[in-house]
């Protein structure tokens, strides 16, 4: 499902979008969507870990270990590198 939004952009930039859309036979929406996806793919710093836990374990090192694992997962970036423990 798509959502509508409004942006303010330099007229020259919008003219470039118009020209590219006409030249490639695509809609302006398709051109802008592709540009946003490419930009976000190139600039996203990483995904948040797939888990969050709160509780008491009685083990003092557990919170330190989980912080180290979370930092390693975050440093791996959006497309991998380090894997969570147990991921084959």
Foldseek 3Di string as FASTA:
>chain_A
DDDDDDDDDDPVVVVVLVVVCVVVVHDSVVVVVVVVVVVCVVPPQADFDPDDDDDDDPDPCPVVVVVVQRVVRSNLGHPGDDDHPPDD
